[in-house]
């Protein structure tokens, strides 16, 4: 299983608008992805309610993961989005 540990770059964490940006990017990747707090239970990264339920604040670490064979690029792109607090998914890493 591939994973990335990243610190959330959005000041408000994975709440409301940033969570919506994150979920759209996870969905657009076309790869099954999960997100979790370190040591916590992973949730579907494409589920808005699941992501919001994590209650992740800005500056906290999250673990992005996928068991898909082609997940490396998707994880890199999503990690960049989260760590830099970007407004949209970057076209390239």
PDB file of N, CA and C in Angstrom:
ATOM      1  N   UNK A   1       0.843  -1.180   0.000  1.00  0.00           N
ATOM      2  CA  UNK A   1       0.000   0.000   0.000  1.00  0.00           C
ATOM      3  C   UNK A   1       0.886   1.239   0.000  1.00  0.00           C
ATOM      4  N   UNK A   2       0.622   2.140  -0.921  1.00  0.00           N
ATOM      5  CA  UNK A   2       1.368   3.395  -1.003  1.00  0.00           C
ATOM      6  C   UNK A   2       0.727   4.421  -0.082  1.00  0.00           C
ATOM      7  N   UNK A   3       1.550   5.242   0.545  1.00  0.00           N
ATOM      8  CA  UNK A   3       0.994   6.287   1.407  1.00  0.00           C
ATOM      9  C   UNK A   3       1.897   7.509   1.438  1.00  0.00           C
ATOM     10  N   UNK A   4       1.290   8.615   1.808  1.00  0.00           N
ATOM     11  CA  UNK A   4       2.001   9.876   1.988  1.00  0.00           C
ATOM     12  C   UNK A   4       1.541  10.483   3.313  1.00  0.00           C
ATOM     13  N   UNK A   5       2.467  10.940   4.126  1.00  0.00           N
ATOM     14  CA  UNK A   5       2.148  11.665   5.352  1.00  0.00           C
ATOM     15  C   UNK A   5       2.397  13.136   5.067  1.00  0.00           C
ATOM     16  N   UNK A   6       1.375  13.943   5.257  1.00  0.00           N
ATOM     17  CA  UNK A   6       1.493  15.370   4.951  1.00  0.00           C
ATOM     18  C   UNK A   6       0.864  16.208   6.050  1.00  0.00           C
ATOM     19  N   UNK A   7       1.387  17.410   6.201  1.00  0.00           N
ATOM     20  CA  UNK A   7       0.831  18.378   7.130  1.00  0.00           C
ATOM     21  C   UNK A   7      -0.151  19.251   6.362  1.00  0.00           C
ATOM     22  N   UNK A   8      -1.330  19.432   6.924  1.00  0.00           N
ATOM     23  CA  UNK A   8      -2.389  20.196   6.258  1.00  0.00           C
ATOM     24  C   UNK A   8      -2.007  21.669   6.210  1.00  0.00           C
ATOM     25  N   UNK A   9      -1.948  22.215   4.993  1.00  0.00           N
ATOM     26  CA  UNK A   9      -1.531  23.598   4.784  1.00  0.00           C
ATOM     27  C   UNK A   9      -2.647  24.618   4.859  1.00  0.00           C
ATOM     28  N   UNK A  10      -3.904  24.186   4.840  1.00  0.00           N
ATOM     29  CA  UNK A  10      -5.014  25.130   4.973  1.00  0.00           C
ATOM     30  C   UNK A  10      -5.151  25.520   6.434  1.00  0.00           C
ATOM     31  N   UNK A  11      -5.184  26.806   6.735  1.00  0.00           N
ATOM     32  CA  UNK A  11      -5.294  27.270   8.121  1.00  0.00           C
ATOM     33  C   UNK A  11      -6.533  26.709   8.812  1.00  0.00           C
ATOM     34  N   UNK A  12      -7.633  26.577   8.060  1.00  0.00           N
ATOM     35  CA  UNK A  12      -8.880  26.077   8.646  1.00  0.00           C
ATOM     36  C   UNK A  12      -8.967  24.562   8.649  1.00  0.00           C
ATOM     37  N   UNK A  13      -7.913  23.883   8.201  1.00  0.00           N
ATOM     38  CA  UNK A  13      -7.906  22.428   8.188  1.00  0.00           C
ATOM     39  C   UNK A  13      -8.782  21.865   7.092  1.00  0.00           C
ATOM     40  N   UNK A  14      -9.217  20.630   7.270  1.00  0.00           N
ATOM     41  CA  UNK A  14     -10.088  19.988   6.281  1.00  0.00           C
ATOM     42  C   UNK A  14     -11.551  20.233   6.665  1.00  0.00           C
ATOM     43  N   UNK A  15     -11.939  21.490   6.620  1.00  0.00           N
ATOM     44  CA  UNK A  15     -13.303  21.898   6.950  1.00  0.00           C
ATOM     45  C   UNK A  15     -13.886  22.689   5.787  1.00  0.00           C
ATOM     46  N   UNK A  16     -15.168  22.525   5.552  1.00  0.00           N
ATOM     47  CA  UNK A  16     -15.941  23.263   4.548  1.00  0.00           C
ATOM     48  C   UNK A  16     -15.236  23.375   3.191  1.00  0.00           C
ATOM     49  N   UNK A  17     -14.799  24.580   2.829  1.00  0.00           N
ATOM     50  CA  UNK A  17     -14.233  24.814   1.494  1.00  0.00           C
ATOM     51  C   UNK A  17     -12.996  23.957   1.216  1.00  0.00           C
ATOM     52  N   UNK A  18     -11.999  23.910   2.111  1.00  0.00           N
ATOM     53  CA  UNK A  18     -10.845  23.047   1.826  1.00  0.00           C
ATOM     54  C   UNK A  18     -11.225  21.571   1.710  1.00  0.00           C
ATOM     55  N   UNK A  19     -12.165  21.121   2.505  1.00  0.00           N
ATOM     56  CA  UNK A  19     -12.596  19.719   2.410  1.00  0.00           C
ATOM     57  C   UNK A  19     -13.242  19.464   1.057  1.00  0.00           C
ATOM     58  N   UNK A  20     -14.019  20.417   0.572  1.00  0.00           N
ATOM     59  CA  UNK A  20     -14.653  20.269  -0.744  1.00  0.00           C
ATOM     60  C   UNK A  20     -13.592  20.207  -1.843  1.00  0.00           C
ATOM     61  N   UNK A  21     -12.561  21.035  -1.755  1.00  0.00           N
ATOM     62  CA  UNK A  21     -11.461  21.021  -2.726  1.00  0.00           C
ATOM     63  C   UNK A  21     -10.755  19.665  -2.670  1.00  0.00           C
ATOM     64  N   UNK A  22     -10.486  19.193  -1.471  1.00  0.00           N
ATOM     65  CA  UNK A  22      -9.814  17.908  -1.269  1.00  0.00           C
ATOM     66  C   UNK A  22     -10.630  16.758  -1.850  1.00  0.00           C
ATOM     67  N   UNK A  23     -11.924  16.717  -1.539  1.00  0.00           N
ATOM     68  CA  UNK A  23     -12.792  15.633  -2.010  1.00  0.00           C
ATOM     69  C   UNK A  23     -12.903  15.647  -3.538  1.00  0.00           C
ATOM     70  N   UNK A  24     -13.048  16.837  -4.133  1.00  0.00           N
ATOM     71  CA  UNK A  24     -13.098  16.929  -5.602  1.00  0.00           C
ATOM     72  C   UNK A  24     -11.819  16.379  -6.220  1.00  0.00           C
ATOM     73  N   UNK A  25     -10.682  16.734  -5.639  1.00  0.00           N
ATOM     74  CA  UNK A  25      -9.393  16.267  -6.162  1.00  0.00           C
ATOM     75  C   UNK A  25      -9.254  14.751  -5.999  1.00  0.00           C
ATOM     76  N   UNK A  26      -9.668  14.231  -4.866  1.00  0.00           N
ATOM     77  CA  UNK A  26      -9.595  12.783  -4.639  1.00  0.00           C
ATOM     78  C   UNK A  26     -10.486  12.047  -5.627  1.00  0.00           C
ATOM     79  N   UNK A  27     -11.670  12.560  -5.857  1.00  0.00           N
ATOM     80  CA  UNK A  27     -12.606  11.953  -6.802  1.00  0.00           C
ATOM     81  C   UNK A  27     -12.047  12.012  -8.223  1.00  0.00           C
ATOM     82  N   UNK A  28     -11.499  13.162  -8.590  1.00  0.00           N
ATOM     83  CA  UNK A  28     -10.968  13.365  -9.944  1.00  0.00           C
ATOM     84  C   UNK A  28      -9.760  12.477 -10.236  1.00  0.00           C
ATOM     85  N   UNK A  29      -9.077  12.005  -9.202  1.00  0.00           N
ATOM     86  CA  UNK A  29      -7.886  11.181  -9.415  1.00  0.00           C
ATOM     87  C   UNK A  29      -8.224   9.857 -10.095  1.00  0.00           C
ATOM     88  N   UNK A  30      -9.454   9.378  -9.902  1.00  0.00           N
ATOM     89  CA  UNK A  30      -9.850   8.109 -10.487  1.00  0.00           C
ATOM     90  C   UNK A  30      -9.244   6.898  -9.780  1.00  0.00           C
ATOM     91  N   UNK A  31      -8.631   7.136  -8.640  1.00  0.00           N
ATOM     92  CA  UNK A  31      -7.979   6.088  -7.860  1.00  0.00           C
ATOM     93  C   UNK A  31      -8.645   6.032  -6.486  1.00  0.00           C
ATOM     94  N   UNK A  32      -8.910   4.838  -5.963  1.00  0.00           N
ATOM     95  CA  UNK A  32      -9.471   4.765  -4.617  1.00  0.00           C
ATOM     96  C   UNK A  32      -8.435   5.213  -3.585  1.00  0.00           C
ATOM     97  N   UNK A  33      -8.755   6.264  -2.845  1.00  0.00           N
ATOM     98  CA  UNK A  33      -7.840   6.849  -1.868  1.00  0.00           C
ATOM     99  C   UNK A  33      -8.498   6.916  -0.501  1.00  0.00           C
ATOM    100  N   UNK A  34      -7.666   6.845   0.534  1.00  0.00           N
ATOM    101  CA  UNK A  34      -8.168   7.050   1.886  1.00  0.00           C
ATOM    102  C   UNK A  34      -7.369   8.164   2.542  1.00  0.00           C
ATOM    103  N   UNK A  35      -7.948   8.729   3.600  1.00  0.00           N
ATOM    104  CA  UNK A  35      -7.277   9.722   4.418  1.00  0.00           C
ATOM    105  C   UNK A  35      -7.538   9.359   5.873  1.00  0.00           C
ATOM    106  N   UNK A  36      -6.546   9.600   6.718  1.00  0.00           N
ATOM    107  CA  UNK A  36      -6.686   9.272   8.135  1.00  0.00           C
ATOM    108  C   UNK A  36      -5.781  10.168   8.962  1.00  0.00           C
ATOM    109  N   UNK A  37      -6.110  10.263  10.231  1.00  0.00           N
ATOM    110  CA  UNK A  37      -5.166  10.834  11.188  1.00  0.00           C
ATOM    111  C   UNK A  37      -4.130   9.739  11.444  1.00  0.00           C
ATOM    112  N   UNK A  38      -2.887  10.078  11.757  1.00  0.00           N
ATOM    113  CA  UNK A  38      -1.885   9.043  12.031  1.00  0.00           C
ATOM    114  C   UNK A  38      -2.389   8.102  13.134  1.00  0.00           C
ATOM    115  N   UNK A  39      -2.363   6.815  12.850  1.00  0.00           N
ATOM    116  CA  UNK A  39      -2.818   5.823  13.808  1.00  0.00           C
ATOM    117  C   UNK A  39      -4.328   5.655  13.864  1.00  0.00           C
ATOM    118  N   UNK A  40      -5.054   6.482  13.099  1.00  0.00           N
ATOM    119  CA  UNK A  40      -6.509   6.423  13.100  1.00  0.00           C
ATOM    120  C   UNK A  40      -7.051   5.548  11.993  1.00  0.00           C
ATOM    121  N   UNK A  41      -8.351   5.377  12.010  1.00  0.00           N
ATOM    122  CA  UNK A  41      -9.035   4.568  11.004  1.00  0.00           C
ATOM    123  C   UNK A  41      -9.144   5.364   9.698  1.00  0.00           C
ATOM    124  N   UNK A  42      -8.711   4.816   8.573  1.00  0.00           N
ATOM    125  CA  UNK A  42      -8.815   5.532   7.300  1.00  0.00           C
ATOM    126  C   UNK A  42     -10.260   5.623   6.821  1.00  0.00           C
ATOM    127  N   UNK A  43     -10.563   6.744   6.148  1.00  0.00           N
ATOM    128  CA  UNK A  43     -11.886   6.946   5.562  1.00  0.00           C
ATOM    129  C   UNK A  43     -11.725   7.226   4.072  1.00  0.00           C
ATOM    130  N   UNK A  44     -12.803   7.054   3.345  1.00  0.00           N
ATOM    131  CA  UNK A  44     -12.819   7.304   1.909  1.00  0.00           C
ATOM    132  C   UNK A  44     -12.540   8.786   1.649  1.00  0.00           C
ATOM    133  N   UNK A  45     -11.469   9.075   0.912  1.00  0.00           N
ATOM    134  CA  UNK A  45     -11.094  10.460   0.630  1.00  0.00           C
ATOM    135  C   UNK A  45     -12.071  11.154  -0.314  1.00  0.00           C
ATOM    136  N   UNK A  46     -12.931  10.387  -0.981  1.00  0.00           N
ATOM    137  CA  UNK A  46     -13.905  10.972  -1.902  1.00  0.00           C
ATOM    138  C   UNK A  46     -15.256  11.208  -1.226  1.00  0.00           C
ATOM    139  N   UNK A  47     -15.336  11.023   0.075  1.00  0.00           N
ATOM    140  CA  UNK A  47     -16.584  11.221   0.818  1.00  0.00           C
ATOM    141  C   UNK A  47     -16.504  12.481   1.670  1.00  0.00           C
ATOM    142  N   UNK A  48     -17.275  13.486   1.307  1.00  0.00           N
ATOM    143  CA  UNK A  48     -17.262  14.763   2.036  1.00  0.00           C
ATOM    144  C   UNK A  48     -17.581  14.557   3.517  1.00  0.00           C
ATOM    145  N   UNK A  49     -18.614  13.794   3.810  1.00  0.00           N
ATOM    146  CA  UNK A  49     -18.994  13.589   5.211  1.00  0.00           C
ATOM    147  C   UNK A  49     -17.890  12.889   5.998  1.00  0.00           C
ATOM    148  N   UNK A  50     -17.251  11.913   5.392  1.00  0.00           N
ATOM    149  CA  UNK A  50     -16.167  11.192   6.069  1.00  0.00           C
ATOM    150  C   UNK A  50     -14.975  12.097   6.334  1.00  0.00           C
ATOM    151  N   UNK A  51     -14.618  12.913   5.361  1.00  0.00           N
ATOM    152  CA  UNK A  51     -13.488  13.830   5.518  1.00  0.00           C
ATOM    153  C   UNK A  51     -13.796  14.862   6.602  1.00  0.00           C
ATOM    154  N   UNK A  52     -14.989  15.431   6.578  1.00  0.00           N
ATOM    155  CA  UNK A  52     -15.372  16.402   7.602  1.00  0.00           C
ATOM    156  C   UNK A  52     -15.378  15.777   8.991  1.00  0.00           C
ATOM    157  N   UNK A  53     -15.819  14.518   9.082  1.00  0.00           N
ATOM    158  CA  UNK A  53     -15.901  13.836  10.371  1.00  0.00           C
ATOM    159  C   UNK A  53     -14.533  13.636  11.019  1.00  0.00           C
ATOM    160  N   UNK A  54     -13.465  13.655  10.231  1.00  0.00           N
ATOM    161  CA  UNK A  54     -12.127  13.527  10.802  1.00  0.00           C
ATOM    162  C   UNK A  54     -11.784  14.716  11.692  1.00  0.00           C
ATOM    163  N   UNK A  55     -12.335  15.891  11.385  1.00  0.00           N
ATOM    164  CA  UNK A  55     -12.088  17.082  12.199  1.00  0.00           C
ATOM    165  C   UNK A  55     -10.639  17.531  12.196  1.00  0.00           C
ATOM    166  N   UNK A  56      -9.963  17.383  11.083  1.00  0.00           N
ATOM    167  CA  UNK A  56      -8.545  17.729  10.979  1.00  0.00           C
ATOM    168  C   UNK A  56      -8.376  19.251  10.931  1.00  0.00           C
ATOM    169  N   UNK A  57      -7.496  19.755  11.768  1.00  0.00           N
ATOM    170  CA  UNK A  57      -7.197  21.189  11.835  1.00  0.00           C
ATOM    171  C   UNK A  57      -5.955  21.509  11.012  1.00  0.00           C
ATOM    172  N   UNK A  58      -5.790  22.784  10.679  1.00  0.00           N
ATOM    173  CA  UNK A  58      -4.592  23.231   9.971  1.00  0.00           C
ATOM    174  C   UNK A  58      -3.351  22.922  10.783  1.00  0.00           C
ATOM    175  N   UNK A  59      -2.303  22.460  10.120  1.00  0.00           N
ATOM    176  CA  UNK A  59      -1.055  22.139  10.782  1.00  0.00           C
ATOM    177  C   UNK A  59      -0.981  20.712  11.302  1.00  0.00           C
ATOM    178  N   UNK A  60      -2.096  19.990  11.282  1.00  0.00           N
ATOM    179  CA  UNK A  60      -2.085  18.591  11.710  1.00  0.00           C
ATOM    180  C   UNK A  60      -1.632  17.699  10.558  1.00  0.00           C
ATOM    181  N   UNK A  61      -1.131  16.543  10.898  1.00  0.00           N
ATOM    182  CA  UNK A  61      -0.692  15.585   9.893  1.00  0.00           C
ATOM    183  C   UNK A  61      -1.833  14.640   9.527  1.00  0.00           C
ATOM    184  N   UNK A  62      -1.879  14.268   8.244  1.00  0.00           N
ATOM    185  CA  UNK A  62      -2.807  13.244   7.780  1.00  0.00           C
ATOM    186  C   UNK A  62      -2.025  12.225   6.957  1.00  0.00           C
ATOM    187  N   UNK A  63      -2.619  11.047   6.826  1.00  0.00           N
ATOM    188  CA  UNK A  63      -2.016   9.984   6.033  1.00  0.00           C
ATOM    189  C   UNK A  63      -2.930   9.714   4.843  1.00  0.00           C
ATOM    190  N   UNK A  64      -2.407   9.920   3.652  1.00  0.00           N
ATOM    191  CA  UNK A  64      -3.121   9.619   2.415  1.00  0.00           C
ATOM    192  C   UNK A  64      -2.612   8.261   1.943  1.00  0.00           C
ATOM    193  N   UNK A  65      -3.527   7.381   1.529  1.00  0.00           N
ATOM    194  CA  UNK A  65      -3.091   6.043   1.141  1.00  0.00           C
ATOM    195  C   UNK A  65      -3.969   5.461   0.049  1.00  0.00           C
ATOM    196  N   UNK A  66      -3.407   4.472  -0.646  1.00  0.00           N
ATOM    197  CA  UNK A  66      -4.148   3.737  -1.665  1.00  0.00           C
ATOM    198  C   UNK A  66      -3.453   2.408  -1.926  1.00  0.00           C
ATOM    199  N   UNK A  67      -4.254   1.394  -2.166  1.00  0.00           N
ATOM    200  CA  UNK A  67      -3.720   0.095  -2.522  1.00  0.00           C
ATOM    201  C   UNK A  67      -3.696  -0.135  -4.022  1.00  0.00           C
ATOM    202  N   UNK A  68      -4.155   0.848  -4.799  1.00  0.00           N
ATOM    203  CA  UNK A  68      -4.189   0.715  -6.255  1.00  0.00           C
ATOM    204  C   UNK A  68      -2.772   0.737  -6.828  1.00  0.00           C
ATOM    205  N   UNK A  69      -2.570  -0.007  -7.904  1.00  0.00           N
ATOM    206  CA  UNK A  69      -1.250  -0.086  -8.527  1.00  0.00           C
ATOM    207  C   UNK A  69      -0.779   1.256  -9.092  1.00  0.00           C
ATOM    208  N   UNK A  70      -1.697   2.055  -9.588  1.00  0.00           N
ATOM    209  CA  UNK A  70      -1.347   3.332 -10.235  1.00  0.00           C
ATOM    210  C   UNK A  70      -1.549   4.524  -9.307  1.00  0.00           C
ATOM    211  N   UNK A  71      -1.375   4.341  -8.008  1.00  0.00           N
ATOM    212  CA  UNK A  71      -1.707   5.381  -7.040  1.00  0.00           C
ATOM    213  C   UNK A  71      -0.599   6.403  -6.791  1.00  0.00           C
ATOM    214  N   UNK A  72       0.632   6.111  -7.144  1.00  0.00           N
ATOM    215  CA  UNK A  72       1.749   6.992  -6.789  1.00  0.00           C
ATOM    216  C   UNK A  72       1.549   8.438  -7.248  1.00  0.00           C
ATOM    217  N   UNK A  73       1.218   8.640  -8.528  1.00  0.00           N
ATOM    218  CA  UNK A  73       1.029   9.996  -9.045  1.00  0.00           C
ATOM    219  C   UNK A  73      -0.145  10.690  -8.369  1.00  0.00           C
ATOM    220  N   UNK A  74      -1.247   9.968  -8.191  1.00  0.00           N
ATOM    221  CA  UNK A  74      -2.429  10.551  -7.538  1.00  0.00           C
ATOM    222  C   UNK A  74      -2.099  10.967  -6.112  1.00  0.00           C
ATOM    223  N   UNK A  75      -1.360  10.131  -5.389  1.00  0.00           N
ATOM    224  CA  UNK A  75      -0.974  10.475  -4.016  1.00  0.00           C
ATOM    225  C   UNK A  75      -0.045  11.680  -3.986  1.00  0.00           C
ATOM    226  N   UNK A  76       0.900  11.752  -4.917  1.00  0.00           N
ATOM    227  CA  UNK A  76       1.810  12.901  -4.980  1.00  0.00           C
ATOM    228  C   UNK A  76       1.038  14.197  -5.216  1.00  0.00           C
ATOM    229  N   UNK A  77       0.100  14.155  -6.145  1.00  0.00           N
ATOM    230  CA  UNK A  77      -0.665  15.359  -6.483  1.00  0.00           C
ATOM    231  C   UNK A  77      -1.560  15.779  -5.316  1.00  0.00           C
ATOM    232  N   UNK A  78      -2.215  14.817  -4.676  1.00  0.00           N
ATOM    233  CA  UNK A  78      -3.090  15.137  -3.555  1.00  0.00           C
ATOM    234  C   UNK A  78      -2.277  15.621  -2.355  1.00  0.00           C
ATOM    235  N   UNK A  79      -1.113  15.038  -2.133  1.00  0.00           N
ATOM    236  CA  UNK A  79      -0.238  15.480  -1.040  1.00  0.00           C
ATOM    237  C   UNK A  79       0.204  16.922  -1.258  1.00  0.00           C
ATOM    238  N   UNK A  80       0.519  17.276  -2.489  1.00  0.00           N
ATOM    239  CA  UNK A  80       0.912  18.657  -2.801  1.00  0.00           C
ATOM    240  C   UNK A  80      -0.245  19.614  -2.531  1.00  0.00           C
ATOM    241  N   UNK A  81      -1.430  19.244  -2.955  1.00  0.00           N
ATOM    242  CA  UNK A  81      -2.622  20.059  -2.733  1.00  0.00           C
ATOM    243  C   UNK A  81      -2.830  20.316  -1.247  1.00  0.00           C
ATOM    244  N   UNK A  82      -2.767  19.260  -0.455  1.00  0.00           N
ATOM    245  CA  UNK A  82      -3.016  19.362   0.984  1.00  0.00           C
ATOM    246  C   UNK A  82      -1.916  20.125   1.696  1.00  0.00           C
ATOM    247  N   UNK A  83      -0.668  19.800   1.425  1.00  0.00           N
ATOM    248  CA  UNK A  83       0.442  20.424   2.155  1.00  0.00           C
ATOM    249  C   UNK A  83       0.597  21.901   1.839  1.00  0.00           C
ATOM    250  N   UNK A  84       0.279  22.284   0.613  1.00  0.00           N
ATOM    251  CA  UNK A  84       0.433  23.690   0.227  1.00  0.00           C
ATOM    252  C   UNK A  84      -0.856  24.486   0.373  1.00  0.00           C
ATOM    253  N   UNK A  85      -1.954  23.812   0.730  1.00  0.00           N
ATOM    254  CA  UNK A  85      -3.227  24.513   0.910  1.00  0.00           C
ATOM    255  C   UNK A  85      -3.696  25.168  -0.371  1.00  0.00           C
ATOM    256  N   UNK A  86      -3.528  24.465  -1.491  1.00  0.00           N
ATOM    257  CA  UNK A  86      -3.873  25.029  -2.794  1.00  0.00           C
ATOM    258  C   UNK A  86      -5.379  25.120  -2.996  1.00  0.00           C
ATOM    259  N   UNK A  87      -5.794  25.951  -3.928  1.00  0.00           N
ATOM    260  CA  UNK A  87      -7.210  26.148  -4.226  1.00  0.00           C
ATOM    261  C   UNK A  87      -7.746  25.143  -5.241  1.00  0.00           C
ATOM    262  N   UNK A  88      -6.847  24.481  -5.957  1.00  0.00           N
ATOM    263  CA  UNK A  88      -7.260  23.465  -6.927  1.00  0.00           C
ATOM    264  C   UNK A  88      -6.123  22.491  -7.138  1.00  0.00           C
ATOM    265  N   UNK A  89      -6.443  21.345  -7.691  1.00  0.00           N
ATOM    266  CA  UNK A  89      -5.475  20.321  -7.946  1.00  0.00           C
ATOM    267  C   UNK A  89      -4.474  20.790  -8.995  1.00  0.00           C
ATOM    268  N   UNK A  90      -3.162  20.691  -8.717  1.00  0.00           N
ATOM    269  CA  UNK A  90      -2.179  21.103  -9.714  1.00  0.00           C
ATOM    270  C   UNK A  90      -2.213  20.189 -10.925  1.00  0.00           C
ATOM    271  N   UNK A  91      -1.957  20.756 -12.093  1.00  0.00           N
ATOM    272  CA  UNK A  91      -1.947  19.973 -13.337  1.00  0.00           C
ATOM    273  C   UNK A  91      -0.782  18.997 -13.348  1.00  0.00           C
ATOM    274  N   UNK A  92       0.350  19.416 -12.827  1.00  0.00           N
ATOM    275  CA  UNK A  92       1.522  18.544 -12.763  1.00  0.00           C
ATOM    276  C   UNK A  92       2.165  18.693 -11.398  1.00  0.00           C
ATOM    277  N   UNK A  93       2.955  17.708 -11.044  1.00  0.00           N
ATOM    278  CA  UNK A  93       3.664  17.758  -9.760  1.00  0.00           C
ATOM    279  C   UNK A  93       5.030  18.345  -9.977  1.00  0.00           C
TER     280      UNK A  93
END
